[in-house]
PDB file of N, CA and C in Angstrom:
ATOM      1  N   MET A   1      10.014  -9.091 -11.285  1.00  0.00           N
ATOM      2  CA  MET A   1      11.179  -9.603 -11.700  1.00  0.00           C
ATOM      3  C   MET A   1      10.921 -10.817 -12.530  1.00  0.00           C
ATOM      4  N   SER A   2      11.638 -10.889 -13.661  1.00  0.00           N
ATOM      5  CA  SER A   2      11.496 -12.076 -14.538  1.00  0.00           C
ATOM      6  C   SER A   2      12.543 -13.042 -14.270  1.00  0.00           C
ATOM      7  N   MET A   3      12.052 -14.261 -14.242  1.00  0.00           N
ATOM      8  CA  MET A   3      13.153 -15.391 -14.012  1.00  0.00           C
ATOM      9  C   MET A   3      13.110 -16.233 -15.232  1.00  0.00           C
ATOM     10  N   LYS A   4      14.168 -16.163 -15.919  1.00  0.00           N
ATOM     11  CA  LYS A   4      14.244 -17.030 -17.149  1.00  0.00           C
ATOM     12  C   LYS A   4      15.083 -18.283 -16.928  1.00  0.00           C
ATOM     13  N   LYS A   5      14.763 -19.430 -17.435  1.00  0.00           N
ATOM     14  CA  LYS A   5      15.642 -20.585 -17.322  1.00  0.00           C
ATOM     15  C   LYS A   5      16.632 -20.489 -18.428  1.00  0.00           C
ATOM     16  N   GLN A   6      17.796 -20.864 -18.183  1.00  0.00           N
ATOM     17  CA  GLN A   6      18.875 -20.976 -19.311  1.00  0.00           C
ATOM     18  C   GLN A   6      19.640 -22.167 -19.075  1.00  0.00           C
ATOM     19  N   ALA A   7      19.783 -22.904 -20.166  1.00  0.00           N
ATOM     20  CA  ALA A   7      20.603 -24.025 -20.200  1.00  0.00           C
ATOM     21  C   ALA A   7      22.096 -23.688 -20.115  1.00  0.00           C
ATOM     22  N   LEU A   8      22.853 -24.293 -19.327  1.00  0.00           N
ATOM     23  CA  LEU A   8      24.195 -24.092 -19.253  1.00  0.00           C
ATOM     24  C   LEU A   8      25.107 -25.145 -20.051  1.00  0.00           C
ATOM     25  N   SER A   9      26.079 -24.748 -20.772  1.00  0.00           N
ATOM     26  CA  SER A   9      26.961 -25.597 -21.438  1.00  0.00           C
ATOM     27  C   SER A   9      27.868 -26.283 -20.484  1.00  0.00           C
ATOM     28  N   ASP A  10      28.321 -27.467 -20.878  1.00  0.00           N
ATOM     29  CA  ASP A  10      29.192 -28.260 -20.067  1.00  0.00           C
ATOM     30  C   ASP A  10      30.285 -27.431 -19.387  1.00  0.00           C
ATOM     31  N   GLU A  11      30.874 -26.490 -20.238  1.00  0.00           N
ATOM     32  CA  GLU A  11      31.925 -25.716 -19.781  1.00  0.00           C
ATOM     33  C   GLU A  11      31.563 -24.821 -18.590  1.00  0.00           C
ATOM     34  N   LEU A  12      30.391 -24.088 -18.809  1.00  0.00           N
ATOM     35  CA  LEU A  12      29.894 -23.300 -17.701  1.00  0.00           C
ATOM     36  C   LEU A  12      29.497 -24.089 -16.560  1.00  0.00           C
ATOM     37  N   LEU A  13      28.824 -25.245 -16.770  1.00  0.00           N
ATOM     38  CA  LEU A  13      28.435 -26.046 -15.621  1.00  0.00           C
ATOM     39  C   LEU A  13      29.605 -26.600 -14.765  1.00  0.00           C
ATOM     40  N   ASP A  14      30.654 -26.794 -15.402  1.00  0.00           N
ATOM     41  CA  ASP A  14      31.940 -27.307 -14.679  1.00  0.00           C
ATOM     42  C   ASP A  14      32.299 -26.279 -13.721  1.00  0.00           C
ATOM     43  N   ASN A  15      32.032 -24.893 -13.873  1.00  0.00           N
ATOM     44  CA  ASN A  15      32.426 -23.823 -13.051  1.00  0.00           C
ATOM     45  C   ASN A  15      31.405 -23.500 -11.900  1.00  0.00           C
ATOM     46  N   VAL A  16      30.394 -24.108 -11.967  1.00  0.00           N
ATOM     47  CA  VAL A  16      29.183 -23.943 -10.927  1.00  0.00           C
ATOM     48  C   VAL A  16      29.605 -24.556  -9.594  1.00  0.00           C
ATOM     49  N   THR A  17      29.501 -23.866  -8.585  1.00  0.00           N
ATOM     50  CA  THR A  17      29.687 -24.393  -7.158  1.00  0.00           C
ATOM     51  C   THR A  17      28.382 -24.707  -6.548  1.00  0.00           C
ATOM     52  N   GLY A  18      28.393 -25.525  -5.644  1.00  0.00           N
ATOM     53  CA  GLY A  18      27.062 -25.859  -4.906  1.00  0.00           C
ATOM     54  C   GLY A  18      26.426 -27.055  -5.545  1.00  0.00           C
ATOM     55  N   GLY A  19      25.214 -27.209  -5.377  1.00  0.00           N
ATOM     56  CA  GLY A  19      24.448 -28.333  -5.765  1.00  0.00           C
ATOM     57  C   GLY A  19      24.465 -29.498  -4.911  1.00  0.00           C
ATOM     58  N   THR A  20      24.081 -30.513  -5.204  1.00  0.00           N
ATOM     59  CA  THR A  20      24.001 -31.750  -4.384  1.00  0.00           C
ATOM     60  C   THR A  20      25.048 -32.855  -4.788  1.00  0.00           C
ATOM     61  N   VAL A  21      25.937 -33.259  -3.921  1.00  0.00           N
ATOM     62  CA  VAL A  21      26.934 -34.242  -4.200  1.00  0.00           C
ATOM     63  C   VAL A  21      26.501 -35.547  -3.524  1.00  0.00           C
ATOM     64  N   ILE A  22      26.360 -36.617  -4.249  1.00  0.00           N
ATOM     65  CA  ILE A  22      25.942 -37.848  -3.676  1.00  0.00           C
ATOM     66  C   ILE A  22      27.012 -38.874  -3.861  1.00  0.00           C
ATOM     67  N   PRO A  23      27.621 -39.469  -2.811  1.00  0.00           N
ATOM     68  CA  PRO A  23      28.619 -40.418  -3.032  1.00  0.00           C
ATOM     69  C   PRO A  23      27.941 -41.785  -3.405  1.00  0.00           C
ATOM     70  N   ARG A  24      28.296 -42.436  -4.592  1.00  0.00           N
ATOM     71  CA  ARG A  24      27.708 -43.572  -4.978  1.00  0.00           C
ATOM     72  C   ARG A  24      28.722 -44.718  -5.090  1.00  0.00           C
ATOM     73  N   PRO A  25      28.492 -45.938  -4.511  1.00  0.00           N
ATOM     74  CA  PRO A  25      29.461 -46.954  -4.656  1.00  0.00           C
ATOM     75  C   PRO A  25      29.309 -47.669  -6.048  1.00  0.00           C
ATOM     76  N   SER A  26      30.464 -48.123  -6.490  1.00  0.00           N
ATOM     77  CA  SER A  26      30.477 -48.839  -7.838  1.00  0.00           C
ATOM     78  C   SER A  26      30.075 -50.282  -7.365  1.00  0.00           C
ATOM     79  N   GLU A  27      29.602 -50.996  -8.580  1.00  0.00           N
ATOM     80  CA  GLU A  27      29.273 -52.401  -8.331  1.00  0.00           C
ATOM     81  C   GLU A  27      30.581 -53.134  -8.770  1.00  0.00           C
ATOM     82  N   ASN A  28      30.694 -54.470  -8.366  1.00  0.00           N
ATOM     83  CA  ASN A  28      31.821 -55.272  -8.791  1.00  0.00           C
ATOM     84  C   ASN A  28      31.979 -55.401 -10.209  1.00  0.00           C
ATOM     85  N   GLY A  29      33.226 -55.100 -10.698  1.00  0.00           N
ATOM     86  CA  GLY A  29      33.520 -55.241 -12.073  1.00  0.00           C
ATOM     87  C   GLY A  29      33.110 -54.075 -12.924  1.00  0.00           C
ATOM     88  N   GLU A  30      32.530 -53.026 -12.340  1.00  0.00           N
ATOM     89  CA  GLU A  30      32.078 -51.846 -13.016  1.00  0.00           C
ATOM     90  C   GLU A  30      33.234 -50.915 -13.593  1.00  0.00           C
ATOM     91  N   THR A  31      32.994 -50.322 -14.646  1.00  0.00           N
ATOM     92  CA  THR A  31      33.875 -49.299 -15.313  1.00  0.00           C
ATOM     93  C   THR A  31      33.233 -47.889 -15.104  1.00  0.00           C
ATOM     94  N   LEU A  32      34.069 -46.854 -15.353  1.00  0.00           N
ATOM     95  CA  LEU A  32      33.426 -45.534 -15.263  1.00  0.00           C
ATOM     96  C   LEU A  32      32.270 -45.408 -16.305  1.00  0.00           C
ATOM     97  N   LYS A  33      32.511 -45.972 -17.553  1.00  0.00           N
ATOM     98  CA  LYS A  33      31.352 -45.942 -18.453  1.00  0.00           C
ATOM     99  C   LYS A  33      30.109 -46.730 -18.065  1.00  0.00           C
ATOM    100  N   SER A  34      30.237 -47.867 -17.472  1.00  0.00           N
ATOM    101  CA  SER A  34      29.081 -48.687 -17.011  1.00  0.00           C
ATOM    102  C   SER A  34      28.420 -47.987 -15.744  1.00  0.00           C
ATOM    103  N   PHE A  35      29.152 -47.383 -14.834  1.00  0.00           N
ATOM    104  CA  PHE A  35      28.858 -46.663 -13.774  1.00  0.00           C
ATOM    105  C   PHE A  35      27.907 -45.431 -14.217  1.00  0.00           C
ATOM    106  N   ALA A  36      28.414 -44.774 -15.178  1.00  0.00           N
ATOM    107  CA  ALA A  36      27.781 -43.492 -15.644  1.00  0.00           C
ATOM    108  C   ALA A  36      26.455 -44.020 -16.326  1.00  0.00           C
ATOM    109  N   ASP A  37      26.428 -45.126 -17.090  1.00  0.00           N
ATOM    110  CA  ASP A  37      25.297 -45.615 -17.687  1.00  0.00           C
ATOM    111  C   ASP A  37      24.248 -46.065 -16.675  1.00  0.00           C
ATOM    112  N   ARG A  38      24.683 -46.631 -15.525  1.00  0.00           N
ATOM    113  CA  ARG A  38      23.752 -47.023 -14.462  1.00  0.00           C
ATOM    114  C   ARG A  38      23.078 -45.760 -13.861  1.00  0.00           C
ATOM    115  N   ILE A  39      23.958 -44.800 -13.618  1.00  0.00           N
ATOM    116  CA  ILE A  39      23.402 -43.617 -12.928  1.00  0.00           C
ATOM    117  C   ILE A  39      22.408 -42.857 -13.944  1.00  0.00           C
ATOM    118  N   ASN A  40      22.752 -42.850 -15.261  1.00  0.00           N
ATOM    119  CA  ASN A  40      21.732 -42.306 -16.129  1.00  0.00           C
ATOM    120  C   ASN A  40      20.497 -42.968 -16.231  1.00  0.00           C
ATOM    121  N   ALA A  41      20.507 -44.240 -16.157  1.00  0.00           N
ATOM    122  CA  ALA A  41      19.302 -45.110 -16.315  1.00  0.00           C
ATOM    123  C   ALA A  41      18.396 -44.878 -15.116  1.00  0.00           C
ATOM    124  N   SER A  42      18.932 -44.838 -13.899  1.00  0.00           N
ATOM    125  CA  SER A  42      18.191 -44.838 -12.625  1.00  0.00           C
ATOM    126  C   SER A  42      17.702 -43.318 -12.340  1.00  0.00           C
ATOM    127  N   ALA A  43      18.356 -42.321 -12.804  1.00  0.00           N
ATOM    128  CA  ALA A  43      18.104 -40.978 -12.386  1.00  0.00           C
ATOM    129  C   ALA A  43      17.863 -40.012 -13.640  1.00  0.00           C
ATOM    130  N   SER A  44      17.649 -40.588 -14.829  1.00  0.00           N
ATOM    131  CA  SER A  44      17.368 -39.725 -16.071  1.00  0.00           C
ATOM    132  C   SER A  44      18.386 -38.645 -16.109  1.00  0.00           C
ATOM    133  N   ARG A  45      19.720 -38.927 -15.983  1.00  0.00           N
ATOM    134  CA  ARG A  45      20.707 -37.921 -15.989  1.00  0.00           C
ATOM    135  C   ARG A  45      21.524 -38.094 -17.355  1.00  0.00           C
ATOM    136  N   ASN A  46      22.633 -37.185 -17.529  1.00  0.00           N
ATOM    137  CA  ASN A  46      23.532 -37.264 -18.613  1.00  0.00           C
ATOM    138  C   ASN A  46      24.838 -37.177 -18.121  1.00  0.00           C
ATOM    139  N   VAL A  47      25.144 -38.029 -17.134  1.00  0.00           N
ATOM    140  CA  VAL A  47      26.450 -38.159 -16.581  1.00  0.00           C
ATOM    141  C   VAL A  47      27.383 -38.905 -17.644  1.00  0.00           C
ATOM    142  N   THR A  48      28.564 -38.457 -17.737  1.00  0.00           N
ATOM    143  CA  THR A  48      29.580 -38.941 -18.617  1.00  0.00           C
ATOM    144  C   THR A  48      30.785 -39.477 -17.752  1.00  0.00           C
ATOM    145  N   PRO A  49      31.520 -40.373 -18.301  1.00  0.00           N
ATOM    146  CA  PRO A  49      32.754 -40.847 -17.740  1.00  0.00           C
ATOM    147  C   PRO A  49      33.775 -39.484 -17.524  1.00  0.00           C
ATOM    148  N   GLN A  50      33.678 -38.626 -18.435  1.00  0.00           N
ATOM    149  CA  GLN A  50      34.494 -37.456 -18.349  1.00  0.00           C
ATOM    150  C   GLN A  50      34.035 -36.588 -17.073  1.00  0.00           C
ATOM    151  N   ASN A  51      32.666 -36.550 -16.823  1.00  0.00           N
ATOM    152  CA  ASN A  51      32.238 -35.850 -15.707  1.00  0.00           C
ATOM    153  C   ASN A  51      32.753 -36.446 -14.429  1.00  0.00           C
ATOM    154  N   LEU A  52      32.676 -37.777 -14.304  1.00  0.00           N
ATOM    155  CA  LEU A  52      33.126 -38.583 -13.300  1.00  0.00           C
ATOM    156  C   LEU A  52      34.631 -38.311 -12.907  1.00  0.00           C
ATOM    157  N   ILE A  53      35.397 -38.306 -14.019  1.00  0.00           N
ATOM    158  CA  ILE A  53      36.931 -38.046 -13.922  1.00  0.00           C
ATOM    159  C   ILE A  53      37.067 -36.688 -13.259  1.00  0.00           C
ATOM    160  N   LEU A  54      36.366 -35.695 -13.711  1.00  0.00           N
ATOM    161  CA  LEU A  54      36.464 -34.313 -13.262  1.00  0.00           C
ATOM    162  C   LEU A  54      36.099 -34.227 -11.910  1.00  0.00           C
ATOM    163  N   TRP A  55      34.848 -34.676 -11.540  1.00  0.00           N
ATOM    164  CA  TRP A  55      34.267 -34.541 -10.229  1.00  0.00           C
ATOM    165  C   TRP A  55      35.059 -35.211  -9.054  1.00  0.00           C
ATOM    166  N   ASN A  56      35.802 -36.380  -9.523  1.00  0.00           N
ATOM    167  CA  ASN A  56      36.433 -37.199  -8.510  1.00  0.00           C
ATOM    168  C   ASN A  56      38.011 -36.947  -8.617  1.00  0.00           C
ATOM    169  N   ASN A  57      38.328 -35.861  -9.337  1.00  0.00           N
ATOM    170  CA  ASN A  57      39.835 -35.566  -9.306  1.00  0.00           C
ATOM    171  C   ASN A  57      40.739 -36.623  -9.804  1.00  0.00           C
ATOM    172  N   LEU A  58      40.235 -37.546 -10.767  1.00  0.00           N
ATOM    173  CA  LEU A  58      41.009 -38.642 -11.297  1.00  0.00           C
ATOM    174  C   LEU A  58      41.913 -38.012 -12.399  1.00  0.00           C
ATOM    175  N   PRO A  59      42.953 -38.843 -12.683  1.00  0.00           N
ATOM    176  CA  PRO A  59      43.843 -38.360 -13.790  1.00  0.00           C
ATOM    177  C   PRO A  59      43.064 -38.237 -15.103  1.00  0.00           C
ATOM    178  N   ALA A  60      43.490 -37.257 -15.850  1.00  0.00           N
ATOM    179  CA  ALA A  60      42.744 -37.053 -17.203  1.00  0.00           C
ATOM    180  C   ALA A  60      42.936 -38.222 -18.027  1.00  0.00           C
ATOM    181  N   THR A  61      43.971 -39.054 -17.856  1.00  0.00           N
ATOM    182  CA  THR A  61      44.281 -40.180 -18.590  1.00  0.00           C
ATOM    183  C   THR A  61      43.566 -41.377 -18.225  1.00  0.00           C
ATOM    184  N   THR A  62      42.630 -41.401 -17.246  1.00  0.00           N
ATOM    185  CA  THR A  62      41.960 -42.478 -16.747  1.00  0.00           C
ATOM    186  C   THR A  62      41.180 -43.177 -17.816  1.00  0.00           C
ATOM    187  N   ASP A  63      41.230 -44.449 -17.977  1.00  0.00           N
ATOM    188  CA  ASP A  63      40.492 -45.153 -19.017  1.00  0.00           C
ATOM    189  C   ASP A  63      39.194 -45.457 -18.526  1.00  0.00           C
ATOM    190  N   PRO A  64      38.196 -44.849 -19.186  1.00  0.00           N
ATOM    191  CA  PRO A  64      36.713 -45.059 -18.846  1.00  0.00           C
ATOM    192  C   PRO A  64      36.266 -46.458 -18.954  1.00  0.00           C
ATOM    193  N   ASN A  65      36.978 -47.455 -19.540  1.00  0.00           N
ATOM    194  CA  ASN A  65      36.691 -48.709 -19.777  1.00  0.00           C
ATOM    195  C   ASN A  65      37.363 -49.724 -18.857  1.00  0.00           C
ATOM    196  N   ALA A  66      38.273 -49.139 -18.042  1.00  0.00           N
ATOM    197  CA  ALA A  66      39.043 -50.057 -17.154  1.00  0.00           C
ATOM    198  C   ALA A  66      38.185 -50.368 -15.890  1.00  0.00           C
ATOM    199  N   PRO A  67      38.197 -51.540 -15.378  1.00  0.00           N
ATOM    200  CA  PRO A  67      37.486 -51.858 -14.157  1.00  0.00           C
ATOM    201  C   PRO A  67      37.913 -51.049 -13.005  1.00  0.00           C
ATOM    202  N   LEU A  68      36.852 -50.609 -12.260  1.00  0.00           N
ATOM    203  CA  LEU A  68      37.197 -49.827 -11.063  1.00  0.00           C
ATOM    204  C   LEU A  68      37.627 -50.755  -9.923  1.00  0.00           C
ATOM    205  N   PRO A  69      38.460 -50.310  -8.983  1.00  0.00           N
ATOM    206  CA  PRO A  69      38.819 -51.155  -7.833  1.00  0.00           C
ATOM    207  C   PRO A  69      37.520 -51.441  -7.039  1.00  0.00           C
ATOM    208  N   ALA A  70      37.448 -52.614  -6.390  1.00  0.00           N
ATOM    209  CA  ALA A  70      36.390 -52.932  -5.552  1.00  0.00           C
ATOM    210  C   ALA A  70      36.130 -51.896  -4.445  1.00  0.00           C
ATOM    211  N   GLY A  71      34.890 -51.572  -4.257  1.00  0.00           N
ATOM    212  CA  GLY A  71      34.491 -50.716  -3.157  1.00  0.00           C
ATOM    213  C   GLY A  71      34.735 -49.217  -3.576  1.00  0.00           C
ATOM    214  N   THR A  72      34.958 -48.832  -4.822  1.00  0.00           N
ATOM    215  CA  THR A  72      35.181 -47.469  -5.269  1.00  0.00           C
ATOM    216  C   THR A  72      33.886 -46.651  -4.957  1.00  0.00           C
ATOM    217  N   VAL A  73      34.015 -45.497  -4.241  1.00  0.00           N
ATOM    218  CA  VAL A  73      32.873 -44.637  -4.089  1.00  0.00           C
ATOM    219  C   VAL A  73      33.170 -43.337  -4.875  1.00  0.00           C
ATOM    220  N   LEU A  74      32.308 -43.033  -5.750  1.00  0.00           N
ATOM    221  CA  LEU A  74      32.438 -41.842  -6.637  1.00  0.00           C
ATOM    222  C   LEU A  74      31.458 -40.827  -6.331  1.00  0.00           C
ATOM    223  N   LYS A  75      31.877 -39.515  -6.422  1.00  0.00           N
ATOM    224  CA  LYS A  75      31.000 -38.466  -6.205  1.00  0.00           C
ATOM    225  C   LYS A  75      30.308 -38.125  -7.579  1.00  0.00           C
ATOM    226  N   VAL A  76      28.887 -37.926  -7.428  1.00  0.00           N
ATOM    227  CA  VAL A  76      28.147 -37.641  -8.452  1.00  0.00           C
ATOM    228  C   VAL A  76      27.371 -36.286  -8.153  1.00  0.00           C
ATOM    229  N   PHE A  77      27.415 -35.359  -8.985  1.00  0.00           N
ATOM    230  CA  PHE A  77      26.809 -34.104  -8.861  1.00  0.00           C
ATOM    231  C   PHE A  77      25.313 -34.101  -9.431  1.00  0.00           C
ATOM    232  N   PHE A  78      24.351 -33.634  -8.674  1.00  0.00           N
ATOM    233  CA  PHE A  78      22.994 -33.574  -9.158  1.00  0.00           C
ATOM    234  C   PHE A  78      22.481 -32.142  -9.015  1.00  0.00           C
TER     235      PHE A  78
END
């Protein structure tokens, strides 16, 4: 049996169930954009603010540059 790797588009990846979900706390004064940048730097990922909005069921109109409330814990899929 041949096992070929195939990259999934963001649209297909959004429909994948399973994987690892890691709750990650935000730092004081952090925004969705700076949170995503921190996750990407520490884990060589490509997490976007839009991913975080989707994964955490935030309103689509959420401003990625607005400060997060203190103690916010966001789900990150790996």
